């Protein structure tokens, strides 16, 4: 009963039996993925809890142009990456029990420097108009309406058809949970992506999309 969408320059193999075939221009898969990210960010179809729990989205990046630490992760005296805790309004080590890290903003560290969360950098980059469906349509060979529709469908299924699995588990910070959320959206990439000269970055973009909607291992 799942909807199967195939992105492939040639309508063969899986593409010939897919519910939807998107005939993309070879080598532009990464641009399509980043346009999907652009649309999902605009619609706020992002799994914030997943990002905070499993990724470095909340880690603080030093914002001190002209210094050797600019662009590096801010760390405490023991080398642990820092996040900005929104309740106590201070930097704390990532993984601190009960912490509610900020994903956006510019915050002052104890040493006087300023830092910005990873997610803030990511959002500002991919919300840029150069990733809008209209901006990438000509290069990818896919219409803006198709890109926008695909992003909307991914967001709808991930968040409106989420599955609650009643299975107790303990996360990497030692906190106990009684259930977990499954996002019924899956991505599968084959050699067509990895064999291209930009394949590494394309695969990286695809996994970033998975993380943003909390659909890894779903």
N, C-alpha and C. Protein backbone atom coordinates (compact mmCIF):
# COMPACT_ATOMS: atom_id res chain seq x y z
N UNK A 1 0.79 -1.23 0.00
CA UNK A 1 0.00 0.00 0.00
C UNK A 1 0.81 1.27 0.00
N UNK A 2 2.13 1.14 0.09
CA UNK A 2 2.99 2.33 0.10
C UNK A 2 3.08 2.94 -1.30
N UNK A 3 3.30 4.25 -1.35
CA UNK A 3 3.52 4.92 -2.63
C UNK A 3 5.01 4.87 -2.93
N UNK A 4 5.36 4.46 -4.13
CA UNK A 4 6.76 4.27 -4.53
C UNK A 4 7.12 5.29 -5.60
N UNK A 5 8.06 6.15 -5.28
CA UNK A 5 8.52 7.19 -6.21
C UNK A 5 9.96 6.87 -6.62
N UNK A 6 10.22 6.82 -7.90
CA UNK A 6 11.56 6.52 -8.39
C UNK A 6 12.14 7.74 -9.11
N UNK A 7 13.34 8.12 -8.70
CA UNK A 7 14.05 9.24 -9.34
C UNK A 7 15.19 8.63 -10.15
N UNK A 8 15.09 8.73 -11.48
CA UNK A 8 16.05 8.06 -12.34
C UNK A 8 15.98 8.69 -13.73
N UNK A 9 17.12 8.95 -14.35
CA UNK A 9 17.08 9.53 -15.71
C UNK A 9 16.38 8.63 -16.72
N UNK A 10 16.44 7.30 -16.49
CA UNK A 10 15.88 6.34 -17.43
C UNK A 10 14.74 5.56 -16.76
N UNK A 11 13.64 5.38 -17.48
CA UNK A 11 12.51 4.65 -16.91
C UNK A 11 12.70 3.16 -17.16
N UNK A 12 13.52 2.54 -16.34
CA UNK A 12 13.80 1.13 -16.47
C UNK A 12 13.88 0.51 -15.08
N UNK A 13 13.85 -0.80 -14.99
CA UNK A 13 13.95 -1.46 -13.68
C UNK A 13 12.85 -1.01 -12.73
N UNK A 14 13.24 -0.57 -11.54
CA UNK A 14 12.26 -0.13 -10.55
C UNK A 14 11.40 1.01 -11.08
N UNK A 15 12.02 1.89 -11.87
CA UNK A 15 11.28 3.06 -12.37
C UNK A 15 10.10 2.67 -13.24
N UNK A 16 10.19 1.52 -13.91
CA UNK A 16 9.12 1.09 -14.81
C UNK A 16 7.88 0.63 -14.06
N UNK A 17 8.02 0.28 -12.77
CA UNK A 17 6.86 -0.18 -12.00
C UNK A 17 6.51 0.78 -10.87
N UNK A 18 7.20 1.90 -10.79
CA UNK A 18 6.95 2.86 -9.72
C UNK A 18 5.60 3.56 -9.90
N UNK A 19 5.01 3.99 -8.79
CA UNK A 19 3.78 4.78 -8.87
C UNK A 19 4.05 6.11 -9.55
N UNK A 20 5.23 6.66 -9.28
CA UNK A 20 5.63 7.93 -9.90
C UNK A 20 7.09 7.82 -10.33
N UNK A 21 7.35 8.19 -11.57
CA UNK A 21 8.73 8.23 -12.08
C UNK A 21 9.11 9.68 -12.32
N UNK A 22 10.25 10.08 -11.75
CA UNK A 22 10.76 11.44 -11.93
C UNK A 22 12.04 11.34 -12.74
N UNK A 23 11.98 11.76 -14.00
CA UNK A 23 13.12 11.64 -14.89
C UNK A 23 14.08 12.81 -14.72
N UNK A 24 15.02 12.65 -13.82
CA UNK A 24 15.94 13.72 -13.46
C UNK A 24 17.13 13.80 -14.42
N UNK A 25 17.70 14.98 -14.59
CA UNK A 25 18.92 15.14 -15.38
C UNK A 25 20.07 14.49 -14.61
N UNK A 26 20.88 13.65 -15.23
CA UNK A 26 21.96 12.95 -14.54
C UNK A 26 22.88 13.90 -13.76
N UNK A 27 23.20 13.50 -12.54
CA UNK A 27 24.14 14.27 -11.73
C UNK A 27 23.54 15.39 -10.93
N UNK A 28 22.21 15.59 -11.02
CA UNK A 28 21.58 16.71 -10.29
C UNK A 28 20.71 16.24 -9.14
N UNK A 29 20.86 14.98 -8.75
CA UNK A 29 20.05 14.43 -7.65
C UNK A 29 20.24 15.22 -6.35
N UNK A 30 21.47 15.62 -6.07
CA UNK A 30 21.75 16.36 -4.85
C UNK A 30 21.00 17.69 -4.80
N UNK A 31 20.91 18.34 -5.95
CA UNK A 31 20.21 19.62 -6.02
C UNK A 31 18.72 19.41 -5.76
N UNK A 32 18.16 18.32 -6.29
CA UNK A 32 16.76 18.01 -6.01
C UNK A 32 16.54 17.79 -4.52
N UNK A 33 17.43 17.01 -3.90
CA UNK A 33 17.31 16.72 -2.47
C UNK A 33 17.36 18.01 -1.65
N UNK A 34 18.28 18.90 -1.98
CA UNK A 34 18.41 20.14 -1.21
C UNK A 34 17.21 21.05 -1.43
N UNK A 35 16.56 20.95 -2.58
CA UNK A 35 15.33 21.71 -2.80
C UNK A 35 14.20 21.15 -1.95
N UNK A 36 14.19 19.82 -1.78
CA UNK A 36 13.21 19.20 -0.88
C UNK A 36 13.45 19.67 0.56
N UNK A 37 14.72 19.73 0.95
CA UNK A 37 15.08 20.24 2.28
C UNK A 37 14.59 21.68 2.44
N UNK A 38 14.80 22.48 1.42
CA UNK A 38 14.34 23.87 1.42
C UNK A 38 12.84 23.94 1.71
N UNK A 39 12.06 23.14 1.01
CA UNK A 39 10.61 23.16 1.18
C UNK A 39 10.18 22.64 2.54
N UNK A 40 10.84 21.60 3.03
CA UNK A 40 10.49 21.05 4.35
C UNK A 40 10.84 22.03 5.47
N UNK A 41 11.95 22.74 5.32
CA UNK A 41 12.30 23.77 6.30
C UNK A 41 11.27 24.89 6.29
N UNK A 42 10.86 25.31 5.10
CA UNK A 42 9.85 26.37 4.98
C UNK A 42 8.54 25.96 5.65
N UNK A 43 8.16 24.70 5.49
CA UNK A 43 6.90 24.20 6.04
C UNK A 43 7.04 23.79 7.51
N UNK A 44 8.27 23.87 8.03
CA UNK A 44 8.58 23.45 9.41
C UNK A 44 8.24 21.98 9.65
N UNK A 45 8.40 21.18 8.62
CA UNK A 45 8.23 19.73 8.74
C UNK A 45 9.57 19.12 9.15
N UNK A 46 9.95 19.40 10.37
CA UNK A 46 11.24 18.98 10.91
C UNK A 46 11.00 18.30 12.26
N UNK A 47 11.64 17.17 12.48
CA UNK A 47 11.50 16.46 13.76
C UNK A 47 12.51 17.01 14.76
N UNK A 48 12.09 18.04 15.49
CA UNK A 48 12.98 18.73 16.42
C UNK A 48 13.49 17.80 17.51
N UNK A 49 12.60 16.99 18.08
CA UNK A 49 13.01 16.07 19.15
C UNK A 49 14.09 15.11 18.66
N UNK A 50 13.92 14.62 17.44
CA UNK A 50 14.89 13.69 16.87
C UNK A 50 16.24 14.38 16.68
N UNK A 51 16.21 15.60 16.16
CA UNK A 51 17.44 16.35 15.93
C UNK A 51 18.21 16.56 17.23
N UNK A 52 17.50 16.96 18.28
CA UNK A 52 18.15 17.23 19.56
C UNK A 52 18.70 15.95 20.17
N UNK A 53 17.95 14.86 20.04
CA UNK A 53 18.35 13.61 20.70
C UNK A 53 19.47 12.89 19.98
N UNK A 54 19.44 12.88 18.63
CA UNK A 54 20.35 12.01 17.89
C UNK A 54 21.40 12.70 17.04
N UNK A 55 21.34 14.01 16.89
CA UNK A 55 22.28 14.67 15.99
C UNK A 55 23.05 15.77 16.71
N UNK A 56 23.94 16.41 15.97
CA UNK A 56 24.70 17.53 16.55
C UNK A 56 24.06 18.87 16.18
N UNK A 57 22.77 18.86 15.84
CA UNK A 57 22.08 20.08 15.40
C UNK A 57 22.13 21.20 16.44
N UNK A 58 22.18 20.84 17.72
CA UNK A 58 22.17 21.86 18.78
C UNK A 58 23.57 22.26 19.23
N UNK A 59 24.60 21.57 18.74
CA UNK A 59 25.96 21.91 19.15
C UNK A 59 26.29 23.34 18.73
N UNK A 60 27.01 24.03 19.58
CA UNK A 60 27.35 25.42 19.31
C UNK A 60 28.62 25.53 18.48
N UNK A 61 28.57 26.39 17.47
CA UNK A 61 29.71 26.65 16.59
C UNK A 61 30.24 28.05 16.90
N UNK A 62 31.53 28.13 17.17
CA UNK A 62 32.14 29.42 17.54
C UNK A 62 31.98 30.42 16.40
N UNK A 63 31.46 31.60 16.75
CA UNK A 63 31.28 32.68 15.78
C UNK A 63 32.23 33.81 16.14
N UNK A 64 33.47 33.68 15.67
CA UNK A 64 34.51 34.66 15.99
C UNK A 64 35.41 34.84 14.77
N UNK A 65 34.90 35.53 13.74
CA UNK A 65 35.66 35.72 12.50
C UNK A 65 37.06 36.28 12.77
N UNK A 66 38.03 35.72 12.06
CA UNK A 66 39.40 36.19 12.21
C UNK A 66 40.20 35.46 13.26
N UNK A 67 39.55 34.58 14.03
CA UNK A 67 40.27 33.81 15.05
C UNK A 67 40.42 32.36 14.61
N UNK A 68 41.35 31.64 15.25
CA UNK A 68 41.62 30.26 14.84
C UNK A 68 40.48 29.30 15.18
N UNK A 69 39.60 29.70 16.11
CA UNK A 69 38.51 28.82 16.51
C UNK A 69 37.21 29.08 15.76
N UNK A 70 37.20 30.09 14.90
CA UNK A 70 35.98 30.41 14.16
C UNK A 70 35.54 29.22 13.32
N UNK A 71 34.26 28.82 13.49
CA UNK A 71 33.73 27.69 12.74
C UNK A 71 33.94 26.34 13.39
N UNK A 72 34.63 26.30 14.52
CA UNK A 72 34.83 25.04 15.24
C UNK A 72 33.76 24.90 16.32
N UNK A 73 33.55 23.68 16.79
CA UNK A 73 32.59 23.47 17.87
C UNK A 73 33.11 24.07 19.17
N UNK A 74 32.22 24.71 19.91
CA UNK A 74 32.57 25.22 21.24
C UNK A 74 32.56 24.04 22.21
N UNK A 75 33.58 23.96 23.05
CA UNK A 75 33.70 22.82 23.98
C UNK A 75 34.03 23.31 25.39
N UNK A 76 33.69 22.47 26.37
CA UNK A 76 34.03 22.82 27.75
C UNK A 76 35.46 22.40 28.05
N UNK A 77 35.88 22.54 29.31
CA UNK A 77 37.26 22.23 29.69
C UNK A 77 37.64 20.78 29.50
N UNK A 78 36.65 19.89 29.43
CA UNK A 78 36.92 18.46 29.23
C UNK A 78 36.80 18.06 27.76
N UNK A 79 36.56 19.05 26.91
CA UNK A 79 36.47 18.76 25.48
C UNK A 79 35.10 18.35 25.00
N UNK A 80 34.09 18.42 25.87
CA UNK A 80 32.74 18.04 25.47
C UNK A 80 32.07 19.19 24.72
N UNK A 81 31.38 18.90 23.61
CA UNK A 81 30.70 19.96 22.86
C UNK A 81 29.60 20.61 23.69
N UNK A 82 29.39 21.89 23.48
CA UNK A 82 28.41 22.65 24.25
C UNK A 82 27.13 22.90 23.46
N UNK A 83 26.02 22.98 24.19
CA UNK A 83 24.74 23.42 23.65
C UNK A 83 24.25 24.55 24.54
N UNK A 84 23.30 25.33 24.04
CA UNK A 84 22.74 26.42 24.87
C UNK A 84 21.43 25.94 25.46
N UNK A 85 21.40 25.83 26.79
CA UNK A 85 20.24 25.33 27.51
C UNK A 85 19.24 26.46 27.69
N UNK A 86 18.00 26.28 27.16
CA UNK A 86 17.04 27.38 27.11
C UNK A 86 16.34 27.67 28.43
N UNK A 87 16.34 26.74 29.36
CA UNK A 87 15.67 26.96 30.65
C UNK A 87 16.57 27.75 31.59
N UNK A 88 17.81 27.28 31.74
CA UNK A 88 18.76 27.98 32.62
C UNK A 88 19.48 29.10 31.89
N UNK A 89 19.33 29.15 30.57
CA UNK A 89 19.95 30.19 29.73
C UNK A 89 21.46 30.26 29.92
N UNK A 90 22.09 29.11 29.70
CA UNK A 90 23.55 29.06 29.79
C UNK A 90 24.07 27.88 28.98
N UNK A 91 25.33 27.93 28.55
CA UNK A 91 25.91 26.80 27.82
C UNK A 91 26.15 25.62 28.76
N UNK A 92 25.80 24.42 28.29
CA UNK A 92 26.03 23.19 29.06
C UNK A 92 26.55 22.12 28.11
N UNK A 93 27.21 21.08 28.62
CA UNK A 93 27.69 20.01 27.74
C UNK A 93 26.53 19.29 27.05
N UNK A 94 26.73 18.93 25.80
CA UNK A 94 25.73 18.17 25.06
C UNK A 94 25.42 16.87 25.79
N UNK A 95 24.14 16.51 25.86
CA UNK A 95 23.75 15.29 26.54
C UNK A 95 23.44 15.47 28.01
N UNK A 96 23.54 16.71 28.51
CA UNK A 96 23.22 16.97 29.93
C UNK A 96 21.77 16.56 30.19
N UNK A 97 21.54 15.82 31.25
CA UNK A 97 20.22 15.28 31.55
C UNK A 97 19.20 16.40 31.75
N UNK A 98 18.08 16.29 31.05
CA UNK A 98 17.01 17.25 31.19
C UNK A 98 17.19 18.55 30.43
N UNK A 99 18.31 18.69 29.74
CA UNK A 99 18.59 19.94 29.02
C UNK A 99 17.65 20.11 27.83
N UNK A 100 17.26 21.35 27.58
CA UNK A 100 16.44 21.68 26.41
C UNK A 100 17.24 22.64 25.53
N UNK A 101 18.02 22.08 24.62
CA UNK A 101 18.94 22.91 23.83
C UNK A 101 18.24 23.78 22.79
N UNK A 102 18.81 24.94 22.55
CA UNK A 102 18.32 25.84 21.50
C UNK A 102 18.85 25.36 20.15
N UNK A 103 18.04 25.50 19.11
CA UNK A 103 18.47 25.15 17.76
C UNK A 103 18.76 26.39 16.92
N UNK A 104 18.45 27.55 17.45
CA UNK A 104 18.73 28.79 16.71
C UNK A 104 19.06 29.89 17.69
N UNK A 105 19.74 30.92 17.19
CA UNK A 105 20.13 32.05 18.03
C UNK A 105 21.64 32.24 18.07
N UNK A 106 22.06 33.32 18.69
CA UNK A 106 23.49 33.60 18.87
C UNK A 106 23.72 33.86 20.35
N UNK A 107 24.59 33.08 20.96
CA UNK A 107 24.71 33.08 22.40
C UNK A 107 26.16 33.34 22.84
N UNK A 108 26.29 33.96 24.00
CA UNK A 108 27.61 34.26 24.53
C UNK A 108 28.09 33.11 25.41
N UNK A 109 29.32 32.69 25.20
CA UNK A 109 29.93 31.64 26.00
C UNK A 109 30.53 32.23 27.27
N UNK A 110 30.91 31.37 28.19
CA UNK A 110 31.48 31.83 29.47
C UNK A 110 32.78 32.60 29.27
N UNK A 111 33.50 32.33 28.17
CA UNK A 111 34.76 33.02 27.93
C UNK A 111 34.58 34.31 27.13
N UNK A 112 33.31 34.69 26.88
CA UNK A 112 33.04 35.95 26.19
C UNK A 112 32.82 35.83 24.70
N UNK A 113 33.21 34.71 24.11
CA UNK A 113 32.99 34.52 22.69
C UNK A 113 31.51 34.24 22.41
N UNK A 114 31.12 34.33 21.14
CA UNK A 114 29.74 34.02 20.76
C UNK A 114 29.71 32.74 19.94
N UNK A 115 28.55 32.09 19.96
CA UNK A 115 28.42 30.83 19.22
C UNK A 115 26.98 30.68 18.72
N UNK A 116 26.83 29.90 17.64
CA UNK A 116 25.54 29.69 16.98
C UNK A 116 25.34 28.19 16.79
N UNK A 117 24.13 27.67 17.06
CA UNK A 117 23.88 26.23 16.87
C UNK A 117 24.05 25.79 15.42
N UNK A 118 24.46 24.55 15.24
CA UNK A 118 24.62 23.97 13.91
C UNK A 118 23.36 24.14 13.07
N UNK A 119 22.20 23.85 13.66
CA UNK A 119 20.95 23.90 12.90
C UNK A 119 20.67 25.29 12.36
N UNK A 120 21.05 26.31 13.10
CA UNK A 120 20.85 27.69 12.65
C UNK A 120 21.63 27.92 11.36
N UNK A 121 22.87 27.45 11.32
CA UNK A 121 23.69 27.56 10.10
C UNK A 121 23.04 26.81 8.94
N UNK A 122 22.58 25.57 9.23
CA UNK A 122 21.98 24.74 8.20
C UNK A 122 20.73 25.40 7.63
N UNK A 123 19.85 25.89 8.50
CA UNK A 123 18.60 26.50 8.06
C UNK A 123 18.85 27.74 7.20
N UNK A 124 19.79 28.57 7.62
CA UNK A 124 20.09 29.78 6.85
C UNK A 124 20.65 29.44 5.48
N UNK A 125 21.44 28.39 5.40
CA UNK A 125 22.02 27.98 4.12
C UNK A 125 20.94 27.48 3.16
N UNK A 126 20.10 26.56 3.62
CA UNK A 126 19.19 25.88 2.70
C UNK A 126 17.82 26.56 2.55
N UNK A 127 17.56 27.59 3.33
CA UNK A 127 16.37 28.41 3.08
C UNK A 127 16.66 29.49 2.03
N UNK A 128 17.91 29.56 1.59
CA UNK A 128 18.28 30.51 0.55
C UNK A 128 17.46 30.25 -0.72
N UNK A 129 17.10 31.32 -1.39
CA UNK A 129 16.25 31.22 -2.59
C UNK A 129 16.88 30.39 -3.70
N UNK A 130 18.20 30.19 -3.67
CA UNK A 130 18.84 29.42 -4.74
C UNK A 130 18.44 27.94 -4.70
N UNK A 131 17.85 27.50 -3.57
CA UNK A 131 17.40 26.11 -3.46
C UNK A 131 15.89 25.98 -3.66
N UNK A 132 15.20 27.06 -3.93
CA UNK A 132 13.75 27.01 -4.16
C UNK A 132 13.45 26.17 -5.40
N UNK A 133 12.31 25.48 -5.45
CA UNK A 133 11.98 24.65 -6.62
C UNK A 133 12.09 25.40 -7.94
N UNK A 134 11.64 26.65 -7.98
CA UNK A 134 11.73 27.42 -9.22
C UNK A 134 13.17 27.63 -9.67
N UNK A 135 14.07 27.73 -8.68
CA UNK A 135 15.47 28.01 -8.99
C UNK A 135 16.22 26.79 -9.51
N UNK A 136 15.76 25.59 -9.15
CA UNK A 136 16.48 24.37 -9.55
C UNK A 136 15.77 23.60 -10.67
N UNK A 137 14.58 24.04 -11.05
CA UNK A 137 13.78 23.30 -12.02
C UNK A 137 14.52 23.10 -13.35
N UNK A 138 15.10 24.16 -13.87
CA UNK A 138 15.76 24.06 -15.18
C UNK A 138 16.97 23.13 -15.14
N UNK A 139 17.75 23.22 -14.07
CA UNK A 139 18.98 22.41 -13.98
C UNK A 139 18.67 20.94 -13.76
N UNK A 140 17.64 20.64 -12.97
CA UNK A 140 17.30 19.24 -12.70
C UNK A 140 16.40 18.63 -13.76
N UNK A 141 15.70 19.49 -14.53
CA UNK A 141 14.76 18.99 -15.51
C UNK A 141 13.44 18.57 -14.89
N UNK A 142 13.21 18.96 -13.65
CA UNK A 142 11.97 18.61 -12.94
C UNK A 142 11.21 19.89 -12.63
N UNK A 143 9.93 19.90 -12.88
CA UNK A 143 9.14 21.11 -12.68
C UNK A 143 9.07 21.50 -11.20
N UNK A 144 8.92 22.79 -10.97
CA UNK A 144 8.81 23.29 -9.59
C UNK A 144 7.60 22.67 -8.89
N UNK A 145 6.50 22.48 -9.61
CA UNK A 145 5.31 21.89 -9.01
C UNK A 145 5.56 20.45 -8.56
N UNK A 146 6.32 19.71 -9.35
CA UNK A 146 6.64 18.32 -8.99
C UNK A 146 7.51 18.28 -7.74
N UNK A 147 8.51 19.14 -7.67
CA UNK A 147 9.39 19.18 -6.51
C UNK A 147 8.60 19.57 -5.27
N UNK A 148 7.78 20.60 -5.42
CA UNK A 148 6.98 21.07 -4.28
C UNK A 148 5.99 19.99 -3.81
N UNK A 149 5.40 19.30 -4.77
CA UNK A 149 4.45 18.24 -4.42
C UNK A 149 5.11 17.08 -3.72
N UNK A 150 6.31 16.70 -4.18
CA UNK A 150 7.05 15.60 -3.55
C UNK A 150 7.42 15.96 -2.12
N UNK A 151 7.88 17.18 -1.90
CA UNK A 151 8.24 17.63 -0.55
C UNK A 151 7.01 17.62 0.36
N UNK A 152 5.89 18.09 -0.16
CA UNK A 152 4.65 18.12 0.64
C UNK A 152 4.21 16.71 1.02
N UNK A 153 4.36 15.76 0.09
CA UNK A 153 3.96 14.38 0.37
C UNK A 153 4.88 13.74 1.41
N UNK A 154 6.18 14.00 1.31
CA UNK A 154 7.12 13.48 2.31
C UNK A 154 6.77 14.02 3.68
N UNK A 155 6.53 15.34 3.77
CA UNK A 155 6.19 15.94 5.04
C UNK A 155 4.88 15.43 5.60
N UNK A 156 3.89 15.26 4.73
CA UNK A 156 2.57 14.80 5.18
C UNK A 156 2.65 13.39 5.76
N UNK A 157 3.28 12.49 5.03
CA UNK A 157 3.36 11.10 5.49
C UNK A 157 4.21 10.99 6.76
N UNK A 158 5.33 11.71 6.80
CA UNK A 158 6.23 11.62 7.95
C UNK A 158 5.56 12.08 9.24
N UNK A 159 4.75 13.13 9.15
CA UNK A 159 4.22 13.72 10.37
C UNK A 159 2.74 13.45 10.61
N UNK A 160 1.96 13.23 9.56
CA UNK A 160 0.53 12.97 9.76
C UNK A 160 0.22 11.47 9.82
N UNK A 161 1.15 10.65 9.37
CA UNK A 161 0.95 9.20 9.42
C UNK A 161 2.01 8.52 10.29
N UNK A 162 2.55 9.27 11.24
CA UNK A 162 3.57 8.72 12.12
C UNK A 162 3.03 7.53 12.91
N UNK A 163 3.92 6.60 13.21
CA UNK A 163 3.56 5.37 13.93
C UNK A 163 4.14 5.44 15.34
N UNK A 164 3.33 5.20 16.34
CA UNK A 164 3.79 5.16 17.73
C UNK A 164 4.02 3.70 18.12
N UNK A 165 5.25 3.35 18.43
CA UNK A 165 5.58 1.97 18.78
C UNK A 165 5.77 1.87 20.29
N UNK A 166 4.92 1.07 20.93
CA UNK A 166 4.98 0.90 22.39
C UNK A 166 6.07 -0.10 22.75
N UNK A 167 7.29 0.40 22.80
CA UNK A 167 8.45 -0.43 23.13
C UNK A 167 9.38 0.36 24.03
N UNK A 168 9.49 0.01 25.31
CA UNK A 168 10.41 0.74 26.21
C UNK A 168 11.84 0.65 25.71
N UNK A 169 12.59 1.71 25.89
CA UNK A 169 13.98 1.73 25.44
C UNK A 169 14.75 2.80 26.21
N UNK A 170 16.06 2.71 26.19
CA UNK A 170 16.94 3.66 26.87
C UNK A 170 17.81 4.34 25.83
N UNK A 171 17.83 5.68 25.83
CA UNK A 171 18.60 6.39 24.82
C UNK A 171 20.07 6.50 25.21
N UNK A 172 20.88 7.12 24.34
CA UNK A 172 22.34 7.15 24.54
C UNK A 172 22.74 7.99 25.74
N UNK A 173 21.80 8.80 26.27
CA UNK A 173 22.09 9.61 27.46
C UNK A 173 21.60 8.95 28.74
N UNK A 174 21.11 7.70 28.61
CA UNK A 174 20.67 6.96 29.79
C UNK A 174 19.23 7.23 30.20
N UNK A 175 18.49 7.99 29.41
CA UNK A 175 17.10 8.28 29.75
C UNK A 175 16.18 7.19 29.22
N UNK A 176 15.20 6.81 30.07
CA UNK A 176 14.27 5.73 29.74
C UNK A 176 13.02 6.29 29.06
N UNK A 177 12.57 5.62 27.99
CA UNK A 177 11.37 6.04 27.27
C UNK A 177 10.44 4.83 27.11
N UNK A 178 9.13 5.08 27.09
CA UNK A 178 8.16 4.00 27.00
C UNK A 178 7.76 3.66 25.57
N UNK A 179 8.07 4.54 24.63
CA UNK A 179 7.71 4.29 23.25
C UNK A 179 8.61 5.10 22.33
N UNK A 180 8.48 4.88 21.03
CA UNK A 180 9.22 5.70 20.07
C UNK A 180 8.37 5.92 18.83
N UNK A 181 8.74 6.97 18.08
CA UNK A 181 7.97 7.35 16.90
C UNK A 181 8.63 6.82 15.64
N UNK A 182 7.83 6.24 14.77
CA UNK A 182 8.31 5.78 13.47
C UNK A 182 7.75 6.66 12.37
N UNK A 183 8.61 7.16 11.50
CA UNK A 183 8.17 7.96 10.35
C UNK A 183 8.13 7.04 9.13
N UNK A 184 6.94 6.76 8.57
CA UNK A 184 6.85 5.78 7.48
C UNK A 184 7.28 6.33 6.12
N UNK A 185 8.49 6.88 6.09
CA UNK A 185 9.08 7.37 4.84
C UNK A 185 10.48 6.75 4.73
N UNK A 186 10.75 6.09 3.63
CA UNK A 186 12.04 5.43 3.45
C UNK A 186 12.73 5.95 2.19
N UNK A 187 14.06 5.93 2.22
CA UNK A 187 14.86 6.36 1.07
C UNK A 187 15.87 5.25 0.75
N UNK A 188 16.05 4.99 -0.52
CA UNK A 188 17.00 3.96 -0.94
C UNK A 188 17.80 4.50 -2.12
N UNK A 189 19.10 4.55 -1.95
CA UNK A 189 19.96 5.07 -3.02
C UNK A 189 20.86 3.95 -3.55
N UNK A 190 20.97 3.88 -4.87
CA UNK A 190 21.79 2.85 -5.49
C UNK A 190 23.00 3.47 -6.20
N UNK A 191 23.65 2.72 -7.07
CA UNK A 191 24.93 3.13 -7.62
C UNK A 191 24.83 4.37 -8.50
N UNK A 192 23.64 4.66 -9.03
CA UNK A 192 23.48 5.83 -9.87
C UNK A 192 23.88 7.11 -9.17
N UNK A 193 23.67 7.17 -7.87
CA UNK A 193 24.09 8.34 -7.09
C UNK A 193 25.57 8.24 -6.73
N UNK A 194 25.97 7.11 -6.17
CA UNK A 194 27.33 7.00 -5.62
C UNK A 194 28.42 7.00 -6.69
N UNK A 195 28.09 6.61 -7.92
CA UNK A 195 29.12 6.51 -8.95
C UNK A 195 29.47 7.84 -9.59
N UNK A 196 28.66 8.87 -9.36
CA UNK A 196 28.93 10.18 -9.96
C UNK A 196 30.05 10.89 -9.18
N UNK A 197 30.71 11.84 -9.82
CA UNK A 197 31.80 12.57 -9.15
C UNK A 197 31.32 13.33 -7.92
N UNK A 198 30.03 13.69 -7.88
CA UNK A 198 29.51 14.39 -6.70
C UNK A 198 28.72 13.45 -5.79
N UNK A 199 28.92 12.14 -5.98
CA UNK A 199 28.12 11.14 -5.28
C UNK A 199 28.20 11.22 -3.77
N UNK A 200 29.39 11.50 -3.23
CA UNK A 200 29.53 11.57 -1.77
C UNK A 200 28.62 12.65 -1.20
N UNK A 201 28.66 13.83 -1.80
CA UNK A 201 27.85 14.94 -1.30
C UNK A 201 26.35 14.69 -1.52
N UNK A 202 26.02 13.99 -2.61
CA UNK A 202 24.61 13.67 -2.86
C UNK A 202 24.08 12.72 -1.80
N UNK A 203 24.86 11.67 -1.49
CA UNK A 203 24.46 10.73 -0.45
C UNK A 203 24.37 11.44 0.90
N UNK A 204 25.30 12.33 1.14
CA UNK A 204 25.30 13.10 2.39
C UNK A 204 24.02 13.94 2.50
N UNK A 205 23.61 14.55 1.40
CA UNK A 205 22.39 15.35 1.39
C UNK A 205 21.17 14.48 1.66
N UNK A 206 21.15 13.28 1.07
CA UNK A 206 20.02 12.38 1.28
C UNK A 206 19.91 11.97 2.74
N UNK A 207 21.04 11.68 3.37
CA UNK A 207 21.01 11.29 4.78
C UNK A 207 20.63 12.48 5.66
N UNK A 208 21.04 13.68 5.27
CA UNK A 208 20.64 14.87 6.02
C UNK A 208 19.12 15.03 5.98
N UNK A 209 18.53 14.78 4.81
CA UNK A 209 17.08 14.84 4.67
C UNK A 209 16.42 13.83 5.60
N UNK A 210 16.95 12.62 5.64
CA UNK A 210 16.42 11.59 6.54
C UNK A 210 16.46 12.03 7.99
N UNK A 211 17.58 12.61 8.40
CA UNK A 211 17.74 13.04 9.80
C UNK A 211 16.77 14.17 10.12
N UNK A 212 16.61 15.13 9.21
CA UNK A 212 15.76 16.28 9.47
C UNK A 212 14.32 15.89 9.74
N UNK A 213 13.82 14.83 9.11
CA UNK A 213 12.45 14.41 9.36
C UNK A 213 12.37 13.22 10.31
N UNK A 214 13.52 12.81 10.87
CA UNK A 214 13.53 11.74 11.85
C UNK A 214 13.19 10.39 11.27
N UNK A 215 13.62 10.13 10.04
CA UNK A 215 13.24 8.89 9.35
C UNK A 215 14.41 7.92 9.15
N UNK A 216 15.45 8.02 9.96
CA UNK A 216 16.54 7.04 9.87
C UNK A 216 16.10 5.76 10.56
N UNK A 217 16.36 4.62 9.93
CA UNK A 217 15.98 3.31 10.48
C UNK A 217 14.48 3.12 10.62
N UNK A 218 13.69 3.83 9.82
CA UNK A 218 12.23 3.63 9.86
C UNK A 218 11.84 2.70 8.72
